[in-house]
Amino acid sequence: MSPLPQLVISTPQGGTIHKYQLTGGKRSFLRYLGCYLGTCKFCNNLEEATDYVESIEAK
């Protein structure tokens, strides 16, 4: 069973970044899910997820 996602960052505007442990084949991957107002994107690292959330909050 995969561990539950963990909240890493919550912004004052309501954006969130969660850390996910995903399994694919024989490997396990750590991904970050950046979300704001229902718009979400899986990212490869925390910096990419932070940049994504900041960019969609600014719109």
PDB file of N, CA and C in Angstrom:
ATOM      1  N   MET A   1       0.835  -1.179   0.000  1.00  0.00           N
ATOM      2  CA  MET A   1       0.000   0.000   0.000  1.00  0.00           C
ATOM      3  C   MET A   1       0.882   1.246   0.000  1.00  0.00           C
ATOM      4  N   SER A   2       0.571   2.193  -0.849  1.00  0.00           N
ATOM      5  CA  SER A   2       1.324   3.445  -0.932  1.00  0.00           C
ATOM      6  C   SER A   2       0.992   4.342   0.251  1.00  0.00           C
ATOM      7  N   PRO A   3       1.987   5.077   0.741  1.00  0.00           N
ATOM      8  CA  PRO A   3       1.700   6.026   1.826  1.00  0.00           C
ATOM      9  C   PRO A   3       0.802   7.148   1.319  1.00  0.00           C
ATOM     10  N   LEU A   4       0.085   7.769   2.227  1.00  0.00           N
ATOM     11  CA  LEU A   4      -0.796   8.884   1.869  1.00  0.00           C
ATOM     12  C   LEU A   4       0.032  10.100   1.478  1.00  0.00           C
ATOM     13  N   PRO A   5      -0.529  10.954   0.626  1.00  0.00           N
ATOM     14  CA  PRO A   5       0.179  12.185   0.268  1.00  0.00           C
ATOM     15  C   PRO A   5       0.382  13.064   1.504  1.00  0.00           C
ATOM     16  N   GLN A   6       1.464  13.821   1.505  1.00  0.00           N
ATOM     17  CA  GLN A   6       1.778  14.698   2.625  1.00  0.00           C
ATOM     18  C   GLN A   6       1.767  16.145   2.162  1.00  0.00           C
ATOM     19  N   LEU A   7       1.101  16.997   2.928  1.00  0.00           N
ATOM     20  CA  LEU A   7       1.093  18.426   2.643  1.00  0.00           C
ATOM     21  C   LEU A   7       2.477  18.989   2.944  1.00  0.00           C
ATOM     22  N   VAL A   8       3.069  19.653   1.958  1.00  0.00           N
ATOM     23  CA  VAL A   8       4.395  20.227   2.121  1.00  0.00           C
ATOM     24  C   VAL A   8       4.295  21.733   2.333  1.00  0.00           C
ATOM     25  N   ILE A   9       3.492  22.403   1.498  1.00  0.00           N
ATOM     26  CA  ILE A   9       3.351  23.854   1.563  1.00  0.00           C
ATOM     27  C   ILE A   9       1.900  24.238   1.352  1.00  0.00           C
ATOM     28  N   SER A  10       1.454  25.225   2.098  1.00  0.00           N
ATOM     29  CA  SER A  10       0.148  25.835   1.908  1.00  0.00           C
ATOM     30  C   SER A  10       0.370  27.338   1.843  1.00  0.00           C
ATOM     31  N   THR A  11      -0.062  27.972   0.758  1.00  0.00           N
ATOM     32  CA  THR A  11       0.167  29.410   0.587  1.00  0.00           C
ATOM     33  C   THR A  11      -0.973  30.212   1.208  1.00  0.00           C
ATOM     34  N   PRO A  12      -0.742  31.481   1.514  1.00  0.00           N
ATOM     35  CA  PRO A  12      -1.803  32.335   2.066  1.00  0.00           C
ATOM     36  C   PRO A  12      -2.997  32.493   1.111  1.00  0.00           C
ATOM     37  N   GLN A  13      -2.767  32.378  -0.196  1.00  0.00           N
ATOM     38  CA  GLN A  13      -3.842  32.519  -1.184  1.00  0.00           C
ATOM     39  C   GLN A  13      -4.643  31.233  -1.361  1.00  0.00           C
ATOM     40  N   GLY A  14      -4.207  30.138  -0.762  1.00  0.00           N
ATOM     41  CA  GLY A  14      -4.944  28.878  -0.837  1.00  0.00           C
ATOM     42  C   GLY A  14      -4.309  27.812  -1.701  1.00  0.00           C
ATOM     43  N   GLY A  15      -3.156  28.084  -2.285  1.00  0.00           N
ATOM     44  CA  GLY A  15      -2.449  27.072  -3.067  1.00  0.00           C
ATOM     45  C   GLY A  15      -1.831  26.026  -2.155  1.00  0.00           C
ATOM     46  N   THR A  16      -1.699  24.808  -2.663  1.00  0.00           N
ATOM     47  CA  THR A  16      -1.095  23.740  -1.875  1.00  0.00           C
ATOM     48  C   THR A  16      -0.109  22.948  -2.722  1.00  0.00           C
ATOM     49  N   ILE A  17       0.855  22.357  -2.038  1.00  0.00           N
ATOM     50  CA  ILE A  17       1.781  21.420  -2.666  1.00  0.00           C
ATOM     51  C   ILE A  17       1.833  20.197  -1.770  1.00  0.00           C
ATOM     52  N   HIS A  18       1.541  19.044  -2.376  1.00  0.00           N
ATOM     53  CA  HIS A  18       1.591  17.770  -1.667  1.00  0.00           C
ATOM     54  C   HIS A  18       2.707  16.911  -2.233  1.00  0.00           C
ATOM     55  N   LYS A  19       3.300  16.086  -1.387  1.00  0.00           N
ATOM     56  CA  LYS A  19       4.345  15.156  -1.790  1.00  0.00           C
ATOM     57  C   LYS A  19       3.711  13.772  -1.944  1.00  0.00           C
ATOM     58  N   TYR A  20       3.927  13.140  -3.096  1.00  0.00           N
ATOM     59  CA  TYR A  20       3.374  11.819  -3.401  1.00  0.00           C
ATOM     60  C   TYR A  20       4.474  10.821  -3.661  1.00  0.00           C
ATOM     61  N   GLN A  21       4.349   9.636  -3.119  1.00  0.00           N
ATOM     62  CA  GLN A  21       5.234   8.519  -3.431  1.00  0.00           C
ATOM     63  C   GLN A  21       4.461   7.627  -4.400  1.00  0.00           C
ATOM     64  N   LEU A  22       4.874   7.568  -5.653  1.00  0.00           N
ATOM     65  CA  LEU A  22       4.183   6.805  -6.683  1.00  0.00           C
ATOM     66  C   LEU A  22       5.027   5.607  -7.099  1.00  0.00           C
ATOM     67  N   THR A  23       4.361   4.511  -7.415  1.00  0.00           N
ATOM     68  CA  THR A  23       5.044   3.316  -7.860  1.00  0.00           C
ATOM     69  C   THR A  23       4.731   3.077  -9.325  1.00  0.00           C
ATOM     70  N   GLY A  24       5.767   2.790 -10.101  1.00  0.00           N
ATOM     71  CA  GLY A  24       5.596   2.491 -11.514  1.00  0.00           C
ATOM     72  C   GLY A  24       6.527   1.363 -11.899  1.00  0.00           C
ATOM     73  N   GLY A  25       5.971   0.215 -12.209  1.00  0.00           N
ATOM     74  CA  GLY A  25       6.813  -0.944 -12.512  1.00  0.00           C
ATOM     75  C   GLY A  25       7.557  -1.392 -11.269  1.00  0.00           C
ATOM     76  N   LYS A  26       8.866  -1.474 -11.373  1.00  0.00           N
ATOM     77  CA  LYS A  26       9.687  -1.917 -10.241  1.00  0.00           C
ATOM     78  C   LYS A  26      10.306  -0.745  -9.482  1.00  0.00           C
ATOM     79  N   ARG A  27       9.945   0.485  -9.872  1.00  0.00           N
ATOM     80  CA  ARG A  27      10.522   1.673  -9.247  1.00  0.00           C
ATOM     81  C   ARG A  27       9.485   2.470  -8.482  1.00  0.00           C
ATOM     82  N   SER A  28       9.983   3.274  -7.593  1.00  0.00           N
ATOM     83  CA  SER A  28       9.136   4.176  -6.834  1.00  0.00           C
ATOM     84  C   SER A  28       9.591   5.601  -7.147  1.00  0.00           C
ATOM     85  N   PHE A  29       8.653   6.514  -7.313  1.00  0.00           N
ATOM     86  CA  PHE A  29       8.947   7.881  -7.705  1.00  0.00           C
ATOM     87  C   PHE A  29       8.382   8.849  -6.677  1.00  0.00           C
ATOM     88  N   LEU A  30       9.112   9.904  -6.404  1.00  0.00           N
ATOM     89  CA  LEU A  30       8.641  10.963  -5.531  1.00  0.00           C
ATOM     90  C   LEU A  30       8.229  12.124  -6.426  1.00  0.00           C
ATOM     91  N   ARG A  31       6.966  12.514  -6.354  1.00  0.00           N
ATOM     92  CA  ARG A  31       6.448  13.618  -7.165  1.00  0.00           C
ATOM     93  C   ARG A  31       5.743  14.613  -6.260  1.00  0.00           C
ATOM     94  N   TYR A  32       5.631  15.831  -6.748  1.00  0.00           N
ATOM     95  CA  TYR A  32       4.958  16.902  -6.022  1.00  0.00           C
ATOM     96  C   TYR A  32       3.757  17.359  -6.841  1.00  0.00           C
ATOM     97  N   LEU A  33       2.628  17.547  -6.170  1.00  0.00           N
ATOM     98  CA  LEU A  33       1.403  17.990  -6.821  1.00  0.00           C
ATOM     99  C   LEU A  33       1.095  19.400  -6.352  1.00  0.00           C
ATOM    100  N   GLY A  34       1.203  20.351  -7.293  1.00  0.00           N
ATOM    101  CA  GLY A  34       0.894  21.744  -7.003  1.00  0.00           C
ATOM    102  C   GLY A  34      -0.527  22.044  -7.441  1.00  0.00           C
ATOM    103  N   CYS A  35      -1.341  22.640  -6.565  1.00  0.00           N
ATOM    104  CA  CYS A  35      -2.748  22.928  -6.876  1.00  0.00           C
ATOM    105  C   CYS A  35      -3.141  24.318  -6.409  1.00  0.00           C
ATOM    106  N   TYR A  36      -4.050  24.923  -7.190  1.00  0.00           N
ATOM    107  CA  TYR A  36      -4.667  26.187  -6.808  1.00  0.00           C
ATOM    108  C   TYR A  36      -6.015  26.261  -7.502  1.00  0.00           C
ATOM    109  N   LEU A  37      -7.082  26.418  -6.714  1.00  0.00           N
ATOM    110  CA  LEU A  37      -8.457  26.521  -7.218  1.00  0.00           C
ATOM    111  C   LEU A  37      -8.820  25.401  -8.199  1.00  0.00           C
ATOM    112  N   GLY A  38      -8.416  24.184  -7.885  1.00  0.00           N
ATOM    113  CA  GLY A  38      -8.781  23.027  -8.699  1.00  0.00           C
ATOM    114  C   GLY A  38      -7.897  22.778  -9.905  1.00  0.00           C
ATOM    115  N   THR A  39      -6.918  23.631 -10.140  1.00  0.00           N
ATOM    116  CA  THR A  39      -5.965  23.433 -11.227  1.00  0.00           C
ATOM    117  C   THR A  39      -4.708  22.822 -10.627  1.00  0.00           C
ATOM    118  N   CYS A  40      -4.374  21.605 -11.066  1.00  0.00           N
ATOM    119  CA  CYS A  40      -3.264  20.869 -10.457  1.00  0.00           C
ATOM    120  C   CYS A  40      -2.291  20.356 -11.512  1.00  0.00           C
ATOM    121  N   LYS A  41      -1.042  20.151 -11.075  1.00  0.00           N
ATOM    122  CA  LYS A  41      -0.024  19.614 -11.972  1.00  0.00           C
ATOM    123  C   LYS A  41       0.991  18.832 -11.144  1.00  0.00           C
ATOM    124  N   PHE A  42       1.336  17.608 -11.622  1.00  0.00           N
ATOM    125  CA  PHE A  42       2.413  16.838 -11.008  1.00  0.00           C
ATOM    126  C   PHE A  42       3.742  17.397 -11.485  1.00  0.00           C
ATOM    127  N   CYS A  43       4.676  17.585 -10.550  1.00  0.00           N
ATOM    128  CA  CYS A  43       5.995  18.127 -10.863  1.00  0.00           C
ATOM    129  C   CYS A  43       7.068  17.174 -10.342  1.00  0.00           C
ATOM    130  N   ASN A  44       8.265  17.280 -10.910  1.00  0.00           N
ATOM    131  CA  ASN A  44       9.355  16.381 -10.537  1.00  0.00           C
ATOM    132  C   ASN A  44      10.068  16.789  -9.252  1.00  0.00           C
ATOM    133  N   ASN A  45       9.990  18.070  -8.883  1.00  0.00           N
ATOM    134  CA  ASN A  45      10.664  18.500  -7.657  1.00  0.00           C
ATOM    135  C   ASN A  45       9.883  19.647  -7.013  1.00  0.00           C
ATOM    136  N   LEU A  46      10.275  19.976  -5.800  1.00  0.00           N
ATOM    137  CA  LEU A  46       9.563  20.994  -5.025  1.00  0.00           C
ATOM    138  C   LEU A  46       9.690  22.376  -5.668  1.00  0.00           C
ATOM    139  N   GLU A  47      10.840  22.690  -6.219  1.00  0.00           N
ATOM    140  CA  GLU A  47      11.037  23.994  -6.856  1.00  0.00           C
ATOM    141  C   GLU A  47      10.096  24.169  -8.053  1.00  0.00           C
ATOM    142  N   GLU A  48       9.970  23.150  -8.863  1.00  0.00           N
ATOM    143  CA  GLU A  48       9.074  23.204 -10.019  1.00  0.00           C
ATOM    144  C   GLU A  48       7.619  23.376  -9.568  1.00  0.00           C
ATOM    145  N   ALA A  49       7.218  22.659  -8.529  1.00  0.00           N
ATOM    146  CA  ALA A  49       5.853  22.762  -8.015  1.00  0.00           C
ATOM    147  C   ALA A  49       5.588  24.144  -7.429  1.00  0.00           C
ATOM    148  N   THR A  50       6.565  24.704  -6.719  1.00  0.00           N
ATOM    149  CA  THR A  50       6.422  26.036  -6.140  1.00  0.00           C
ATOM    150  C   THR A  50       6.280  27.085  -7.239  1.00  0.00           C
ATOM    151  N   ASP A  51       7.116  26.985  -8.273  1.00  0.00           N
ATOM    152  CA  ASP A  51       7.027  27.914  -9.404  1.00  0.00           C
ATOM    153  C   ASP A  51       5.672  27.815 -10.083  1.00  0.00           C
ATOM    154  N   TYR A  52       5.153  26.600 -10.237  1.00  0.00           N
ATOM    155  CA  TYR A  52       3.862  26.392 -10.879  1.00  0.00           C
ATOM    156  C   TYR A  52       2.740  27.051 -10.082  1.00  0.00           C
ATOM    157  N   VAL A  53       2.699  26.801  -8.777  1.00  0.00           N
ATOM    158  CA  VAL A  53       1.639  27.368  -7.927  1.00  0.00           C
ATOM    159  C   VAL A  53       1.728  28.886  -7.925  1.00  0.00           C
ATOM    160  N   GLU A  54       2.923  29.430  -7.824  1.00  0.00           N
ATOM    161  CA  GLU A  54       3.086  30.888  -7.844  1.00  0.00           C
ATOM    162  C   GLU A  54       2.587  31.480  -9.171  1.00  0.00           C
ATOM    163  N   SER A  55       2.828  30.796 -10.274  1.00  0.00           N
ATOM    164  CA  SER A  55       2.424  31.314 -11.582  1.00  0.00           C
ATOM    165  C   SER A  55       0.910  31.300 -11.753  1.00  0.00           C
ATOM    166  N   ILE A  56       0.215  30.273 -11.249  1.00  0.00           N
ATOM    167  CA  ILE A  56      -1.239  30.253 -11.425  1.00  0.00           C
ATOM    168  C   ILE A  56      -1.955  31.110 -10.380  1.00  0.00           C
ATOM    169  N   GLU A  57      -1.332  31.347  -9.240  1.00  0.00           N
ATOM    170  CA  GLU A  57      -1.932  32.264  -8.258  1.00  0.00           C
ATOM    171  C   GLU A  57      -1.867  33.703  -8.752  1.00  0.00           C
ATOM    172  N   ALA A  58      -0.867  34.025  -9.552  1.00  0.00           N
ATOM    173  CA  ALA A  58      -0.667  35.392 -10.024  1.00  0.00           C
ATOM    174  C   ALA A  58      -1.687  35.803 -11.093  1.00  0.00           C
ATOM    175  N   LYS A  59      -2.357  34.849 -11.700  1.00  0.00           N
ATOM    176  CA  LYS A  59      -3.305  35.146 -12.796  1.00  0.00           C
ATOM    177  C   LYS A  59      -4.572  35.757 -12.275  1.00  0.00           C
TER     178      LYS A  59
END
